[in-house]
Amino acid sequence: MALENKAYQRKLEEMVDELNARQEQRKLELAALNKLFQSHLGQADSTRTAYGKLKDSLTSFTSELEELATIAGVPAQEQRNGAADYKVQKVK
């Protein structure tokens, strides 16, 4: 009976070792997936930030262009999607 108990104990220890190895592998996989996900989130944030900066820059540029056109006496011909189109005329 003692030999059977010893064999059973070894079998249980092997099972515990195998489960620990599987758990460690799963931890590594989860860490890799988390790193990938965090990287993806960072890219999405930087894309949103870049888009916001571009939008602000275009808004500022449009404003400055309208101001310049007003100073130059060039009226806006029509409005399309919130942006003014200007006709350039030669100054005589």
Protein backbone atom coordinates (compact mmCIF):
# COMPACT_ATOMS: atom_id res chain seq x y z
CA MET A 1 0.00 0.00 0.00
CA ALA A 2 2.90 2.40 0.75
CA LEU A 3 4.25 1.86 -2.78
CA GLU A 4 0.84 2.62 -4.26
CA ASN A 5 0.61 5.80 -2.20
CA LYS A 6 4.11 6.83 -3.34
CA ALA A 7 3.21 6.22 -6.98
CA TYR A 8 -0.05 8.12 -6.57
CA GLN A 9 1.79 11.02 -4.91
CA ARG A 10 4.31 11.15 -7.79
CA LYS A 11 1.48 11.11 -10.29
CA LEU A 12 -0.22 14.01 -8.47
CA GLU A 13 3.06 15.95 -8.33
CA GLU A 14 3.53 15.43 -12.09
CA MET A 15 0.00 16.66 -12.69
CA VAL A 16 0.65 19.75 -10.53
CA ASP A 17 3.90 20.44 -12.41
CA GLU A 18 2.11 20.10 -15.75
CA LEU A 19 -0.70 22.41 -14.65
CA ASN A 20 1.83 24.96 -13.36
CA ALA A 21 3.65 24.84 -16.72
CA ARG A 22 0.35 25.36 -18.58
CA GLN A 23 -0.54 28.24 -16.28
CA GLU A 24 2.85 29.88 -16.86
CA GLN A 25 2.41 29.50 -20.63
CA ARG A 26 -1.05 31.09 -20.41
CA LYS A 27 0.40 33.98 -18.41
CA LEU A 28 2.97 34.60 -21.15
CA GLU A 29 0.29 34.45 -23.84
CA LEU A 30 -1.93 36.84 -21.90
CA ALA A 31 0.96 39.26 -21.38
CA ALA A 32 1.73 39.21 -25.12
CA LEU A 33 -1.92 39.82 -26.00
CA ASN A 34 -2.14 42.64 -23.44
CA LYS A 35 0.98 44.27 -24.88
CA LEU A 36 -0.47 44.04 -28.39
CA PHE A 37 -3.79 45.48 -27.24
CA GLN A 38 -2.11 48.34 -25.37
CA SER A 39 -0.04 49.09 -28.47
CA HIS A 40 -3.21 49.17 -30.56
CA LEU A 41 -4.85 51.57 -28.09
CA GLY A 42 -1.79 53.81 -28.21
CA GLN A 43 -1.93 53.92 -31.99
CA ALA A 44 -5.62 54.76 -31.92
CA ASP A 45 -4.95 57.58 -29.46
CA SER A 46 -2.10 58.99 -31.51
CA THR A 47 -4.26 58.80 -34.64
CA ARG A 48 -7.06 60.68 -32.87
CA THR A 49 -4.56 63.27 -31.64
CA ALA A 50 -3.06 63.70 -35.11
CA TYR A 51 -6.54 64.05 -36.62
CA GLY A 52 -7.46 66.68 -34.03
CA LYS A 53 -4.28 68.64 -34.74
CA LEU A 54 -4.90 68.44 -38.49
CA LYS A 55 -8.49 69.60 -38.04
CA ASP A 56 -7.36 72.52 -35.86
CA SER A 57 -4.67 73.42 -38.38
CA LEU A 58 -7.15 73.39 -41.27
CA THR A 59 -9.63 75.47 -39.30
CA SER A 60 -6.91 77.99 -38.53
CA PHE A 61 -5.73 77.99 -42.15
CA THR A 62 -9.29 78.58 -43.40
CA SER A 63 -9.71 81.44 -40.96
CA GLU A 64 -6.45 83.01 -42.02
CA LEU A 65 -7.33 82.55 -45.69
CA GLU A 66 -10.71 84.24 -45.19
CA GLU A 67 -9.02 87.09 -43.33
CA LEU A 68 -6.45 87.49 -46.12
CA ALA A 69 -9.21 87.44 -48.75
CA THR A 70 -11.10 90.12 -46.83
CA ILE A 71 -7.99 92.30 -46.58
CA ALA A 72 -7.31 91.77 -50.30
CA GLY A 73 -10.93 92.60 -51.13
CA VAL A 74 -11.66 89.23 -52.67
CA PRO A 75 -15.20 88.13 -51.75
CA ALA A 76 -16.09 84.51 -51.14
CA GLN A 77 -18.05 83.19 -54.14
CA GLU A 78 -19.90 80.35 -52.47
CA GLN A 79 -19.91 78.19 -49.37
CA ARG A 80 -19.28 74.46 -49.72
CA ASN A 81 -19.14 72.27 -46.62
CA GLY A 82 -18.21 75.24 -44.49
CA ALA A 83 -15.21 76.21 -46.65
CA ALA A 84 -15.18 79.30 -48.81
CA ASP A 85 -14.02 79.17 -52.43
CA TYR A 86 -12.29 82.28 -53.70
CA LYS A 87 -11.85 83.50 -57.24
CA VAL A 88 -8.45 84.98 -57.84
CA GLN A 89 -8.52 88.12 -59.94
CA LYS A 90 -5.62 89.99 -61.42
CA VAL A 91 -5.01 93.40 -59.88
CA LYS A 92 -4.75 96.13 -62.51
